[in-house]
C-alpha atoms as a PDB file:
ATOM      1  CA  MET A   1       0.000   0.000   0.000  1.00  0.00           C
ATOM      2  CA  LEU A   2       1.133   3.541  -0.705  1.00  0.00           C
ATOM      3  CA  GLY A   3       1.160   4.666   2.923  1.00  0.00           C
ATOM      4  CA  ARG A   4       3.312   1.712   3.957  1.00  0.00           C
ATOM      5  CA  ARG A   5       5.798   2.226   1.121  1.00  0.00           C
ATOM      6  CA  LEU A   6       6.150   5.918   1.914  1.00  0.00           C
ATOM      7  CA  ALA A   7       6.523   5.264   5.640  1.00  0.00           C
ATOM      8  CA  ARG A   8       9.293   2.792   5.001  1.00  0.00           C
ATOM      9  CA  ARG A   9      11.026   5.049   2.521  1.00  0.00           C
ATOM     10  CA  LEU A  10      11.199   7.920   4.985  1.00  0.00           C
ATOM     11  CA  ALA A  11      11.512   5.821   8.495  1.00  0.00           C
ATOM     12  CA  LEU A  12      -2.100  32.709   4.920  1.00  0.00           C
ATOM     13  CA  PRO A  13      -0.707  35.303   6.361  1.00  0.00           C
ATOM     14  CA  ILE A  14      -2.243  37.207   9.249  1.00  0.00           C
ATOM     15  CA  PHE A  15       0.404  39.860   9.865  1.00  0.00           C
ATOM     16  CA  SER A  16       0.492  41.632   6.520  1.00  0.00           C
ATOM     17  CA  HIS A  17      -1.134  44.875   7.672  1.00  0.00           C
ATOM     18  CA  LEU A  18       0.265  45.334  11.176  1.00  0.00           C
ATOM     19  CA  PRO A  19       1.860  48.673  12.039  1.00  0.00           C
ATOM     20  CA  PHE A  20       5.545  49.383  12.665  1.00  0.00           C
ATOM     21  CA  GLU A  21       6.919  47.779   9.515  1.00  0.00           C
ATOM     22  CA  GLY A  22      10.623  47.213   9.896  1.00  0.00           C
ATOM     23  CA  GLY A  23      10.493  48.286  13.537  1.00  0.00           C
ATOM     24  CA  ILE A  24      10.421  46.564  16.880  1.00  0.00           C
ATOM     25  CA  ILE A  25       7.073  45.917  18.512  1.00  0.00           C
ATOM     26  CA  HIS A  26       6.860  45.419  22.283  1.00  0.00           C
ATOM     27  CA  SER A  27       3.929  43.654  23.915  1.00  0.00           C
ATOM     28  CA  HIS A  28       3.085  46.622  26.144  1.00  0.00           C
ATOM     29  CA  ASP A  29       2.757  48.900  23.108  1.00  0.00           C
ATOM     30  CA  VAL A  30      -0.018  47.122  21.240  1.00  0.00           C
ATOM     31  CA  ALA A  31      -3.500  45.724  21.716  1.00  0.00           C
ATOM     32  CA  PRO A  32      -6.695  45.617  19.617  1.00  0.00           C
ATOM     33  CA  LEU A  33      -9.189  48.418  20.111  1.00  0.00           C
ATOM     34  CA  ARG A  34     -12.596  47.359  21.374  1.00  0.00           C
ATOM     35  CA  GLY A  35     -15.140  46.662  18.679  1.00  0.00           C
ATOM     36  CA  MET A  36     -12.660  45.834  15.947  1.00  0.00           C
ATOM     37  CA  GLY A  37     -12.910  42.671  13.843  1.00  0.00           C
ATOM     38  CA  ASN A  38     -11.208  39.337  14.401  1.00  0.00           C
ATOM     39  CA  SER A  39      -8.792  39.668  11.498  1.00  0.00           C
ATOM     40  CA  LEU A  40      -5.516  41.396  12.207  1.00  0.00           C
ATOM     41  CA  GLU A  41      -6.026  43.364   9.020  1.00  0.00           C
ATOM     42  CA  ASP A  42      -8.815  45.188  10.904  1.00  0.00           C
ATOM     43  CA  LEU A  43      -6.950  45.941  14.130  1.00  0.00           C
ATOM     44  CA  SER A  44      -5.589  49.192  15.514  1.00  0.00           C
ATOM     45  CA  TYR A  45      -3.450  49.369  18.632  1.00  0.00           C
ATOM     46  CA  HIS A  46      -2.965  51.341  21.842  1.00  0.00           C
ATOM     47  CA  SER A  47      -1.005  50.902  25.063  1.00  0.00           C
ATOM     48  CA  ILE A  48      -2.432  48.436  27.607  1.00  0.00           C
ATOM     49  CA  THR A  49      -1.436  46.317  30.561  1.00  0.00           C
ATOM     50  CA  LEU A  50      -0.763  42.644  29.865  1.00  0.00           C
ATOM     51  CA  THR A  51      -3.586  40.214  30.581  1.00  0.00           C
ATOM     52  CA  MET A  52      -3.345  37.720  33.433  1.00  0.00           C
ATOM     53  CA  ALA A  53      -2.888  34.513  31.428  1.00  0.00           C
ATOM     54  CA  ARG A  54       0.604  33.670  30.229  1.00  0.00           C
ATOM     55  CA  TYR A  55       1.066  31.423  27.199  1.00  0.00           C
ATOM     56  CA  ILE A  56       4.080  29.115  27.169  1.00  0.00           C
ATOM     57  CA  ILE A  57       4.741  27.981  23.584  1.00  0.00           C
ATOM     58  CA  TYR A  58       6.813  24.826  24.027  1.00  0.00           C
ATOM     59  CA  GLY A  59       8.629  23.809  20.854  1.00  0.00           C
ATOM     60  CA  ALA A  60       8.550  27.189  19.144  1.00  0.00           C
ATOM     61  CA  GLY A  61       9.744  26.610  15.596  1.00  0.00           C
ATOM     62  CA  ALA A  62       7.842  28.095  12.658  1.00  0.00           C
ATOM     63  CA  ILE A  63       4.302  27.249  13.804  1.00  0.00           C
ATOM     64  CA  GLY A  64       4.898  27.984  17.474  1.00  0.00           C
ATOM     65  CA  SER A  65       6.582  31.292  16.675  1.00  0.00           C
ATOM     66  CA  ILE A  66       3.689  32.382  14.450  1.00  0.00           C
ATOM     67  CA  LEU A  67       1.162  31.492  17.146  1.00  0.00           C
ATOM     68  CA  GLY A  68       3.221  33.257  19.796  1.00  0.00           C
ATOM     69  CA  ALA A  69       3.652  36.378  17.686  1.00  0.00           C
ATOM     70  CA  GLY A  70      -0.087  36.614  17.075  1.00  0.00           C
ATOM     71  CA  LEU A  71      -0.935  36.303  20.763  1.00  0.00           C
ATOM     72  CA  TYR A  72       1.845  38.711  21.702  1.00  0.00           C
ATOM     73  CA  HIS A  73       0.473  41.427  19.429  1.00  0.00           C
ATOM     74  CA  THR A  74      -2.817  41.446  21.349  1.00  0.00           C
ATOM     75  CA  GLY A  75      -1.093  42.128  24.660  1.00  0.00           C
ATOM     76  CA  GLN A  76      -0.902  38.547  25.905  1.00  0.00           C
ATOM     77  CA  ASP A  77       2.089  37.561  27.996  1.00  0.00           C
ATOM     78  CA  VAL A  78       3.924  34.979  25.870  1.00  0.00           C
ATOM     79  CA  VAL A  79       7.129  32.998  26.273  1.00  0.00           C
ATOM     80  CA  LEU A  80       8.623  30.990  23.418  1.00  0.00           C
ATOM     81  CA  VAL A  81      10.545  27.872  24.455  1.00  0.00           C
ATOM     82  CA  GLY A  82      12.681  26.695  21.565  1.00  0.00           C
ATOM     83  CA  ARG A  83      16.028  25.511  20.286  1.00  0.00           C
ATOM     84  CA  GLY A  84      19.169  27.304  21.352  1.00  0.00           C
ATOM     85  CA  ARG A  85      20.120  29.046  18.093  1.00  0.00           C
ATOM     86  CA  HIS A  86      16.551  30.173  17.404  1.00  0.00           C
ATOM     87  CA  VAL A  87      16.162  31.518  20.932  1.00  0.00           C
ATOM     88  CA  GLU A  88      19.554  33.224  20.846  1.00  0.00           C
ATOM     89  CA  ALA A  89      18.664  35.010  17.608  1.00  0.00           C
ATOM     90  CA  ILE A  90      15.300  36.108  19.025  1.00  0.00           C
ATOM     91  CA  ARG A  91      16.905  37.443  22.183  1.00  0.00           C
ATOM     92  CA  ARG A  92      19.505  39.384  20.190  1.00  0.00           C
ATOM     93  CA  HIS A  93      17.452  40.694  17.296  1.00  0.00           C
ATOM     94  CA  GLY A  94      13.808  39.955  18.086  1.00  0.00           C
ATOM     95  CA  LEU A  95      11.632  37.411  16.317  1.00  0.00           C
ATOM     96  CA  GLN A  96      11.593  38.293  12.627  1.00  0.00           C
ATOM     97  CA  LEU A  97       8.300  37.338  11.010  1.00  0.00           C
ATOM     98  CA  ARG A  98       7.793  37.480   7.249  1.00  0.00           C
ATOM     99  CA  ALA A  99       4.349  37.485   5.643  1.00  0.00           C
ATOM    100  CA  GLU A 100       3.411  38.532   2.098  1.00  0.00           C
ATOM    101  CA  GLY A 101       6.893  39.890   1.490  1.00  0.00           C
ATOM    102  CA  ARG A 102       6.852  42.158   4.555  1.00  0.00           C
ATOM    103  CA  LEU A 103       9.129  41.664   7.544  1.00  0.00           C
ATOM    104  CA  ARG A 104       8.524  42.593  11.165  1.00  0.00           C
ATOM    105  CA  ARG A 105      10.739  42.357  14.208  1.00  0.00           C
ATOM    106  CA  ILE A 106       9.091  41.510  17.534  1.00  0.00           C
ATOM    107  CA  LYS A 107      10.803  41.678  20.920  1.00  0.00           C
ATOM    108  CA  ILE A 108       9.164  38.608  22.405  1.00  0.00           C
ATOM    109  CA  ASN A 109      10.451  36.707  25.422  1.00  0.00           C
ATOM    110  CA  ALA A 110      12.208  33.437  24.555  1.00  0.00           C
ATOM    111  CA  VAL A 111      14.124  30.794  26.518  1.00  0.00           C
ATOM    112  CA  ASP A 112      15.849  27.575  25.514  1.00  0.00           C
ATOM    113  CA  ASN A 113      15.123  25.680  28.728  1.00  0.00           C
ATOM    114  CA  LEU A 114      12.236  25.553  31.188  1.00  0.00           C
ATOM    115  CA  SER A 115      14.720  25.936  34.030  1.00  0.00           C
ATOM    116  CA  LYS A 116      15.045  29.581  32.946  1.00  0.00           C
ATOM    117  CA  LEU A 117      11.346  30.148  33.445  1.00  0.00           C
ATOM    118  CA  LYS A 118       9.516  30.559  36.747  1.00  0.00           C
ATOM    119  CA  PRO A 119       6.132  28.807  36.489  1.00  0.00           C
ATOM    120  CA  LYS A 120       2.990  30.797  37.266  1.00  0.00           C
ATOM    121  CA  ALA A 121      -0.420  29.524  38.311  1.00  0.00           C
ATOM    122  CA  GLU A 122      -2.007  31.296  35.331  1.00  0.00           C
ATOM    123  CA  ASP A 123       0.279  29.649  32.742  1.00  0.00           C
ATOM    124  CA  ARG A 124      -1.354  27.963  29.752  1.00  0.00           C
ATOM    125  CA  LEU A 125       0.790  25.492  27.817  1.00  0.00           C
ATOM    126  CA  MET A 126       0.774  25.241  24.024  1.00  0.00           C
ATOM    127  CA  LEU A 127       2.705  22.279  22.656  1.00  0.00           C
ATOM    128  CA  THR A 128       4.073  22.689  19.121  1.00  0.00           C
ATOM    129  CA  VAL A 129       6.870  20.103  19.018  1.00  0.00           C
ATOM    130  CA  LYS A 130       6.866  17.386  16.357  1.00  0.00           C
ATOM    131  CA  ALA A 131       4.873  14.291  17.316  1.00  0.00           C
ATOM    132  CA  GLN A 132       7.952  12.139  17.873  1.00  0.00           C
ATOM    133  CA  HIS A 133       9.028  14.511  20.658  1.00  0.00           C
ATOM    134  CA  THR A 134       5.704  14.655  22.505  1.00  0.00           C
ATOM    135  CA  ALA A 135       6.519  12.003  25.111  1.00  0.00           C
ATOM    136  CA  ASP A 136       9.790  13.705  26.062  1.00  0.00           C
ATOM    137  CA  ALA A 137       8.085  17.094  26.139  1.00  0.00           C
ATOM    138  CA  ALA A 138       5.314  15.769  28.376  1.00  0.00           C
ATOM    139  CA  ARG A 139       7.851  14.350  30.827  1.00  0.00           C
ATOM    140  CA  THR A 140       9.786  17.615  30.921  1.00  0.00           C
ATOM    141  CA  LEU A 141       6.709  19.794  31.368  1.00  0.00           C
ATOM    142  CA  ALA A 142       5.384  17.511  34.111  1.00  0.00           C
ATOM    143  CA  THR A 143       8.519  18.117  36.171  1.00  0.00           C
ATOM    144  CA  VAL A 144       7.702  21.834  36.252  1.00  0.00           C
ATOM    145  CA  TYR A 145       3.920  22.141  36.042  1.00  0.00           C
ATOM    146  CA  LEU A 146       1.084  20.686  38.096  1.00  0.00           C
ATOM    147  CA  PRO A 147      -1.151  18.049  36.461  1.00  0.00           C
ATOM    148  CA  THR A 148      -4.024  20.562  36.562  1.00  0.00           C
ATOM    149  CA  THR A 149      -2.234  22.991  34.215  1.00  0.00           C
ATOM    150  CA  PRO A 150      -4.190  23.346  30.929  1.00  0.00           C
ATOM    151  CA  ILE A 151      -2.226  22.154  27.893  1.00  0.00           C
ATOM    152  CA  VAL A 152      -3.242  22.181  24.222  1.00  0.00           C
ATOM    153  CA  ALA A 153      -1.573  20.073  21.533  1.00  0.00           C
ATOM    154  CA  LEU A 154      -1.300  22.258  18.424  1.00  0.00           C
ATOM    155  CA  GLN A 155       0.427  19.540  16.439  1.00  0.00           C
ATOM    156  CA  ASN A 156       0.021  17.198  13.505  1.00  0.00           C
ATOM    157  CA  ALA A 157      -0.893  13.545  14.187  1.00  0.00           C
ATOM    158  CA  ILE A 158      -3.460  12.219  16.644  1.00  0.00           C
ATOM    159  CA  ARG A 159      -1.550  10.482  19.457  1.00  0.00           C
ATOM    160  CA  ASN A 160      -0.204  13.603  21.141  1.00  0.00           C
ATOM    161  CA  GLU A 161      -3.261  14.305  23.275  1.00  0.00           C
ATOM    162  CA  GLY A 162      -3.362  10.759  24.644  1.00  0.00           C
ATOM    163  CA  ILE A 163       0.294  10.979  25.633  1.00  0.00           C
ATOM    164  CA  LEU A 164      -0.278  14.305  27.378  1.00  0.00           C
ATOM    165  CA  ALA A 165      -3.291  12.882  29.206  1.00  0.00           C
ATOM    166  CA  THR A 166      -1.026  10.430  31.040  1.00  0.00           C
ATOM    167  CA  ARG A 167       0.518  13.403  32.876  1.00  0.00           C
ATOM    168  CA  PHE A 168      -1.996  16.255  32.652  1.00  0.00           C
ATOM    169  CA  GLN A 169      -5.678  16.386  33.543  1.00  0.00           C
ATOM    170  CA  CYS A 170      -6.772  19.328  31.377  1.00  0.00           C
ATOM    171  CA  VAL A 171      -5.776  18.371  27.824  1.00  0.00           C
ATOM    172  CA  TYR A 172      -7.080  20.081  24.697  1.00  0.00           C
ATOM    173  CA  GLY A 173      -6.761  19.128  21.060  1.00  0.00           C
ATOM    174  CA  GLY A 174      -5.787  21.696  18.492  1.00  0.00           C
ATOM    175  CA  LEU A 175      -5.812  21.717  14.709  1.00  0.00           C
ATOM    176  CA  VAL A 176      -3.325  23.993  12.982  1.00  0.00           C
ATOM    177  CA  GLU A 177      -4.432  24.638   9.422  1.00  0.00           C
ATOM    178  CA  PHE A 178      -1.906  27.239   8.403  1.00  0.00           C
ATOM    179  CA  SER A 179       1.605  26.915   7.055  1.00  0.00           C
ATOM    180  CA  GLY A 180       4.921  28.395   8.037  1.00  0.00           C
ATOM    181  CA  ASN A 181       8.551  28.053   7.022  1.00  0.00           C
ATOM    182  CA  PHE A 182      11.537  28.135   9.339  1.00  0.00           C
ATOM    183  CA  LEU A 183      13.925  30.218   7.242  1.00  0.00           C
ATOM    184  CA  GLU A 184      16.819  30.454   9.682  1.00  0.00           C
ATOM    185  CA  PRO A 185      17.259  30.914  13.431  1.00  0.00           C
ATOM    186  CA  GLY A 186      15.193  33.901  14.500  1.00  0.00           C
ATOM    187  CA  ILE A 187      13.347  34.218  11.170  1.00  0.00           C
ATOM    188  CA  VAL A 188      10.081  32.469  10.270  1.00  0.00           C
ATOM    189  CA  GLU A 189       7.533  32.957   7.524  1.00  0.00           C
ATOM    190  CA  HIS A 190       3.755  32.595   7.529  1.00  0.00           C
ATOM    191  CA  THR A 191       2.823  31.397   4.035  1.00  0.00           C
ATOM    192  CA  ARG A 192      -0.864  30.430   3.895  1.00  0.00           C
ATOM    193  CA  ASN A 193      -4.143  30.123   5.813  1.00  0.00           C
ATOM    194  CA  ASN A 194      -4.833  31.033   9.443  1.00  0.00           C
ATOM    195  CA  LEU A 195      -7.326  28.478  10.769  1.00  0.00           C
ATOM    196  CA  VAL A 196      -7.114  26.877  14.215  1.00  0.00           C
ATOM    197  CA  ALA A 197      -9.603  24.426  15.768  1.00  0.00           C
ATOM    198  CA  ILE A 198      -9.841  23.925  19.533  1.00  0.00           C
ATOM    199  CA  GLY A 199     -11.688  21.392  21.696  1.00  0.00           C
ATOM    200  CA  LYS A 200     -11.367  19.377  24.873  1.00  0.00           C
ATOM    201  CA  PHE A 201      -9.742  15.932  24.668  1.00  0.00           C
ATOM    202  CA  PRO A 202     -11.152  13.409  23.994  1.00  0.00           C
ATOM    203  CA  GLN A 203     -14.467  15.212  23.508  1.00  0.00           C
ATOM    204  CA  GLY A 204     -16.287  18.289  24.673  1.00  0.00           C
ATOM    205  CA  PHE A 205     -15.762  22.003  24.978  1.00  0.00           C
ATOM    206  CA  ASP A 206     -15.407  23.985  28.203  1.00  0.00           C
ATOM    207  CA  SER A 207     -14.612  27.471  29.477  1.00  0.00           C
ATOM    208  CA  VAL A 208     -10.844  26.936  29.215  1.00  0.00           C
ATOM    209  CA  ALA A 209     -11.200  25.906  25.568  1.00  0.00           C
ATOM    210  CA  ASP A 210     -13.395  28.943  24.971  1.00  0.00           C
ATOM    211  CA  THR A 211     -10.775  31.258  26.480  1.00  0.00           C
ATOM    212  CA  LEU A 212      -8.080  29.698  24.284  1.00  0.00           C
ATOM    213  CA  ALA A 213     -10.299  30.134  21.239  1.00  0.00           C
ATOM    214  CA  THR A 214     -11.149  33.737  22.104  1.00  0.00           C
ATOM    215  CA  ASP A 215      -7.516  34.699  22.648  1.00  0.00           C
ATOM    216  CA  LEU A 216      -6.543  33.144  19.310  1.00  0.00           C
ATOM    217  CA  GLU A 217      -9.379  34.978  17.569  1.00  0.00           C
ATOM    218  CA  LYS A 218      -8.173  38.255  19.030  1.00  0.00           C
ATOM    219  CA  ALA A 219      -4.745  37.370  17.649  1.00  0.00           C
ATOM    220  CA  GLY A 220      -6.199  37.263  14.129  1.00  0.00           C
ATOM    221  CA  PHE A 221      -6.694  33.528  13.690  1.00  0.00           C
ATOM    222  CA  ARG A 222      -9.951  32.072  12.475  1.00  0.00           C
ATOM    223  CA  VAL A 223     -10.990  29.595  15.170  1.00  0.00           C
ATOM    224  CA  GLU A 224     -13.389  26.667  15.040  1.00  0.00           C
ATOM    225  CA  ARG A 225     -14.780  25.605  18.398  1.00  0.00           C
ATOM    226  CA  SER A 226     -15.367  21.858  18.315  1.00  0.00           C
ATOM    227  CA  GLU A 227     -16.966  19.268  20.587  1.00  0.00           C
ATOM    228  CA  ASN A 228     -15.166  16.594  18.541  1.00  0.00           C
ATOM    229  CA  VAL A 229     -11.806  18.116  17.740  1.00  0.00           C
ATOM    230  CA  MET A 230     -10.126  14.725  17.258  1.00  0.00           C
ATOM    231  CA  ASP A 231     -12.381  14.030  14.259  1.00  0.00           C
ATOM    232  CA  ILE A 232     -11.021  17.231  12.731  1.00  0.00           C
ATOM    233  CA  LYS A 233      -7.464  16.159  13.523  1.00  0.00           C
ATOM    234  CA  TRP A 234      -8.094  12.870  11.674  1.00  0.00           C
ATOM    235  CA  TRP A 235      -9.075  15.015   8.663  1.00  0.00           C
ATOM    236  CA  LYS A 236      -5.744  16.838   8.883  1.00  0.00           C
ATOM    237  CA  LEU A 237      -3.918  13.516   9.217  1.00  0.00           C
ATOM    238  CA  VAL A 238      -5.255  12.402   5.832  1.00  0.00           C
ATOM    239  CA  LEU A 239      -3.948  15.619   4.271  1.00  0.00           C
ATOM    240  CA  ASN A 240      -0.603  15.130   6.004  1.00  0.00           C
ATOM    241  CA  THR A 241      -0.098  11.682   4.460  1.00  0.00           C
ATOM    242  CA  ASN A 242       1.075  13.552   1.360  1.00  0.00           C
ATOM    243  CA  ASN A 243       3.910  15.199   3.289  1.00  0.00           C
ATOM    244  CA  ALA A 244       6.163  12.227   2.620  1.00  0.00           C
ATOM    245  CA  LEU A 245       5.334  12.132  -1.093  1.00  0.00           C
ATOM    246  CA  LEU A 246       6.087  15.828  -1.567  1.00  0.00           C
ATOM    247  CA  ALA A 247       9.300  15.490   0.434  1.00  0.00           C
ATOM    248  CA  LEU A 248      10.453  12.566  -1.714  1.00  0.00           C
ATOM    249  CA  LEU A 249       9.751  14.598  -4.847  1.00  0.00           C
ATOM    250  CA  GLY A 250      11.360  17.750  -3.444  1.00  0.00           C
ATOM    251  CA  CYS A 251       8.092  19.505  -4.213  1.00  0.00           C
ATOM    252  CA  TRP A 252       6.035  22.274  -2.634  1.00  0.00           C
ATOM    253  CA  LEU A 253       2.281  22.048  -2.124  1.00  0.00           C
ATOM    254  CA  GLN A 254       1.150  24.480  -4.824  1.00  0.00           C
ATOM    255  CA  LYS A 255       3.186  22.666  -7.486  1.00  0.00           C
ATOM    256  CA  GLY A 256       1.968  19.258  -6.307  1.00  0.00           C
ATOM    257  CA  GLN A 257      -1.664  20.334  -6.594  1.00  0.00           C
ATOM    258  CA  SER A 258      -1.068  21.702 -10.102  1.00  0.00           C
ATOM    259  CA  ASP A 259       1.270  19.176 -11.754  1.00  0.00           C
ATOM    260  CA  PRO A 260      -0.674  16.433 -13.627  1.00  0.00           C
ATOM    261  CA  GLU A 261       2.146  14.002 -12.919  1.00  0.00           C
ATOM    262  CA  ILE A 262       1.883  14.608  -9.164  1.00  0.00           C
ATOM    263  CA  TYR A 263      -1.683  15.420  -8.131  1.00  0.00           C
ATOM    264  CA  PRO A 264      -3.086  11.983  -9.151  1.00  0.00           C
ATOM    265  CA  LEU A 265      -0.538  10.396  -6.795  1.00  0.00           C
ATOM    266  CA  MET A 266      -1.557  12.795  -4.035  1.00  0.00           C
ATOM    267  CA  ALA A 267      -5.200  11.862  -4.574  1.00  0.00           C
ATOM    268  CA  ASP A 268      -4.321   8.148  -4.431  1.00  0.00           C
ATOM    269  CA  VAL A 269      -2.479   8.550  -1.127  1.00  0.00           C
ATOM    270  CA  MET A 270      -5.362  10.475   0.436  1.00  0.00           C
ATOM    271  CA  GLU A 271      -8.007   8.087  -0.874  1.00  0.00           C
ATOM    272  CA  GLU A 272      -6.181   5.046   0.455  1.00  0.00           C
ATOM    273  CA  SER A 273      -5.753   6.703   3.845  1.00  0.00           C
ATOM    274  CA  LEU A 274      -9.412   7.680   4.033  1.00  0.00           C
ATOM    275  CA  ARG A 275     -10.625   4.192   3.100  1.00  0.00           C
ATOM    276  CA  VAL A 276      -8.420   2.607   5.771  1.00  0.00           C
ATOM    277  CA  LEU A 277      -9.808   4.950   8.417  1.00  0.00           C
ATOM    278  CA  GLN A 278     -13.390   4.351   7.337  1.00  0.00           C
ATOM    279  CA  ARG A 279     -12.855   0.592   7.513  1.00  0.00           C
ATOM    280  CA  ALA A 280     -11.585   1.108  11.071  1.00  0.00           C
ATOM    281  CA  GLY A 281     -14.744   3.034  11.975  1.00  0.00           C
ATOM    282  CA  ILE A 282     -13.040   6.432  12.004  1.00  0.00           C
ATOM    283  CA  HIS A 283     -14.833   9.235  10.185  1.00  0.00           C
ATOM    284  CA  PRO A 284     -12.711  12.370   9.728  1.00  0.00           C
ATOM    285  CA  GLN A 285     -14.596  15.649   9.845  1.00  0.00           C
ATOM    286  CA  ALA A 286     -13.530  18.644   7.783  1.00  0.00           C
ATOM    287  CA  PRO A 287     -13.590  22.066   9.449  1.00  0.00           C
ATOM    288  CA  GLY A 288     -16.677  24.022   8.500  1.00  0.00           C
ATOM    289  CA  GLU A 289     -15.195  25.947   5.580  1.00  0.00           C
ATOM    290  CA  PHE A 290     -13.466  22.954   3.970  1.00  0.00           C
ATOM    291  CA  PRO A 291     -15.057  20.280   1.736  1.00  0.00           C
ATOM    292  CA  PRO A 292     -15.385  16.675   2.970  1.00  0.00           C
ATOM    293  CA  LEU A 293     -12.393  14.511   2.126  1.00  0.00           C
ATOM    294  CA  ASP A 294     -14.255  12.537  -0.563  1.00  0.00           C
ATOM    295  CA  LEU A 295     -15.010  15.750  -2.433  1.00  0.00           C
ATOM    296  CA  ALA A 296     -11.519  17.164  -1.865  1.00  0.00           C
ATOM    297  CA  ILE A 297      -9.956  13.997  -3.292  1.00  0.00           C
ATOM    298  CA  GLU A 298     -12.265  14.158  -6.305  1.00  0.00           C
ATOM    299  CA  LYS A 299     -11.370  17.799  -6.962  1.00  0.00           C
ATOM    300  CA  LEU A 300      -7.652  17.090  -6.549  1.00  0.00           C
ATOM    301  CA  ARG A 301      -7.755  14.140  -8.952  1.00  0.00           C
ATOM    302  CA  ALA A 302      -9.599  16.258 -11.515  1.00  0.00           C
ATOM    303  CA  GLY A 303      -6.979  19.002 -11.351  1.00  0.00           C
ATOM    304  CA  GLU A 304      -9.473  21.481  -9.895  1.00  0.00           C
ATOM    305  CA  MET A 305      -7.088  22.510  -7.123  1.00  0.00           C
ATOM    306  CA  SER A 306      -4.490  23.793  -9.568  1.00  0.00           C
ATOM    307  CA  CYS A 307      -3.090  27.223  -8.841  1.00  0.00           C
ATOM    308  CA  ASP A 308      -0.229  29.511  -9.733  1.00  0.00           C
ATOM    309  CA  TYR A 309       2.740  27.558  -8.398  1.00  0.00           C
ATOM    310  CA  ASP A 310       5.570  29.543  -9.994  1.00  0.00           C
ATOM    311  CA  LEU A 311       6.204  31.327  -6.717  1.00  0.00           C
ATOM    312  CA  PRO A 312       9.344  32.796  -5.180  1.00  0.00           C
ATOM    313  CA  PRO A 313      10.954  30.224  -2.854  1.00  0.00           C
ATOM    314  CA  GLU A 314       9.938  32.155   0.250  1.00  0.00           C
ATOM    315  CA  GLU A 315       6.243  32.016  -0.747  1.00  0.00           C
ATOM    316  CA  ARG A 316       6.090  28.279  -1.422  1.00  0.00           C
ATOM    317  CA  THR A 317       4.394  25.984   1.063  1.00  0.00           C
ATOM    318  CA  TYR A 318       6.727  23.117   1.832  1.00  0.00           C
ATOM    319  CA  PRO A 319       5.497  20.350   4.150  1.00  0.00           C
ATOM    320  CA  SER A 320       7.200  20.002   7.506  1.00  0.00           C
ATOM    321  CA  THR A 321       8.688  16.669   6.396  1.00  0.00           C
ATOM    322  CA  TRP A 322      10.500  18.404   3.537  1.00  0.00           C
ATOM    323  CA  GLN A 323      11.774  21.058   5.945  1.00  0.00           C
ATOM    324  CA  ASP A 324      13.053  18.409   8.368  1.00  0.00           C
ATOM    325  CA  LEU A 325      15.020  16.751   5.571  1.00  0.00           C
ATOM    326  CA  GLN A 326      16.387  20.031   4.236  1.00  0.00           C
ATOM    327  CA  LEU A 327      17.519  21.072   7.702  1.00  0.00           C
ATOM    328  CA  LYS A 328      19.042  17.595   8.260  1.00  0.00           C
ATOM    329  CA  ARG A 329      17.341  17.224  11.613  1.00  0.00           C
ATOM    330  CA  GLY A 330      17.690  13.452  11.541  1.00  0.00           C
ATOM    331  CA  TYR A 331      13.988  12.724  12.032  1.00  0.00           C
ATOM    332  CA  THR A 332      10.570  13.177  10.436  1.00  0.00           C
ATOM    333  CA  GLU A 333       6.946  12.752  11.538  1.00  0.00           C
ATOM    334  CA  VAL A 334       6.200  10.104   8.900  1.00  0.00           C
ATOM    335  CA  GLU A 335       5.829   7.318  11.475  1.00  0.00           C
ATOM    336  CA  PHE A 336       3.072   9.351  13.140  1.00  0.00           C
ATOM    337  CA  LEU A 337       1.357  10.269   9.847  1.00  0.00           C
ATOM    338  CA  ASN A 338       1.595   7.522   7.200  1.00  0.00           C
ATOM    339  CA  GLY A 339       2.569   5.136   9.982  1.00  0.00           C
ATOM    340  CA  GLU A 340      -0.777   5.764  11.691  1.00  0.00           C
ATOM    341  CA  ILE A 341      -2.551   4.544   8.563  1.00  0.00           C
ATOM    342  CA  GLU A 342      -0.330   1.468   8.373  1.00  0.00           C
ATOM    343  CA  ARG A 343      -1.072   0.564  11.984  1.00  0.00           C
END
């Protein structure tokens, strides 16, 4: 089967209209005015005091940095916890965020180790590490935070929440349906989409989830509140099974969806994955604005998802698997994506 072969082979910008272009933005300088819309394109800013909640973004690469930057712009207290070189660059020069060809520098707090951070009762944990690092991250976080600390898994794959639930009592699932590139330490790019889905694990929706959703909406993300967020994460898993294929071909998403030699293969991979899940009694649910997987596969196979793919390198959407290989990190998430289908 295609998923098995690929697994073995590989063992939307939301910041484009913010003020202070080219400058440094501090969290105490900016916050949305009351009555403005949810999109950052509609926000104006004035000086405020930081809100009580503090968001700890653990595993802040491209996705975590984009999430943190969005929250930070609304006046939230945010700390990025990331790799040494990335953190060092942020501390020296600020986080540099590129979107739609525009670059902003943000003086956001960042540390490379939890030992450099004093926990607070109001901390909210956002986990953005790759799935293969979730168990280690859960162990590390549990040495610092109480089991009652809310934690949301904003990650690909569907086993993360279950792993977190062995150490934390208040676990939330999160879908990240936007793309980002890690260009170099201290510099990330937001390339497409800005959708996030939030819900309680394994099911339900409570006041903590609602606060998370509201804060993300204020940060400019479109948020879907879900009683069954894991069904939505299964939907994303099917999309992610093409990460390995695109990585093997050295291809970015827009080209894959437009090249008649590639998009039939992408449709085959997704269809096989969906059929396996359906046979297992799992029924992925697309977020409200997206078509069901059957229809998406049909449109992809017919070439109806073709787009202008002759983009500058910095505007191309490369899957995280491709980025892991390019950066020679020595690991990929394939075992937790295609491998989930094989299991």
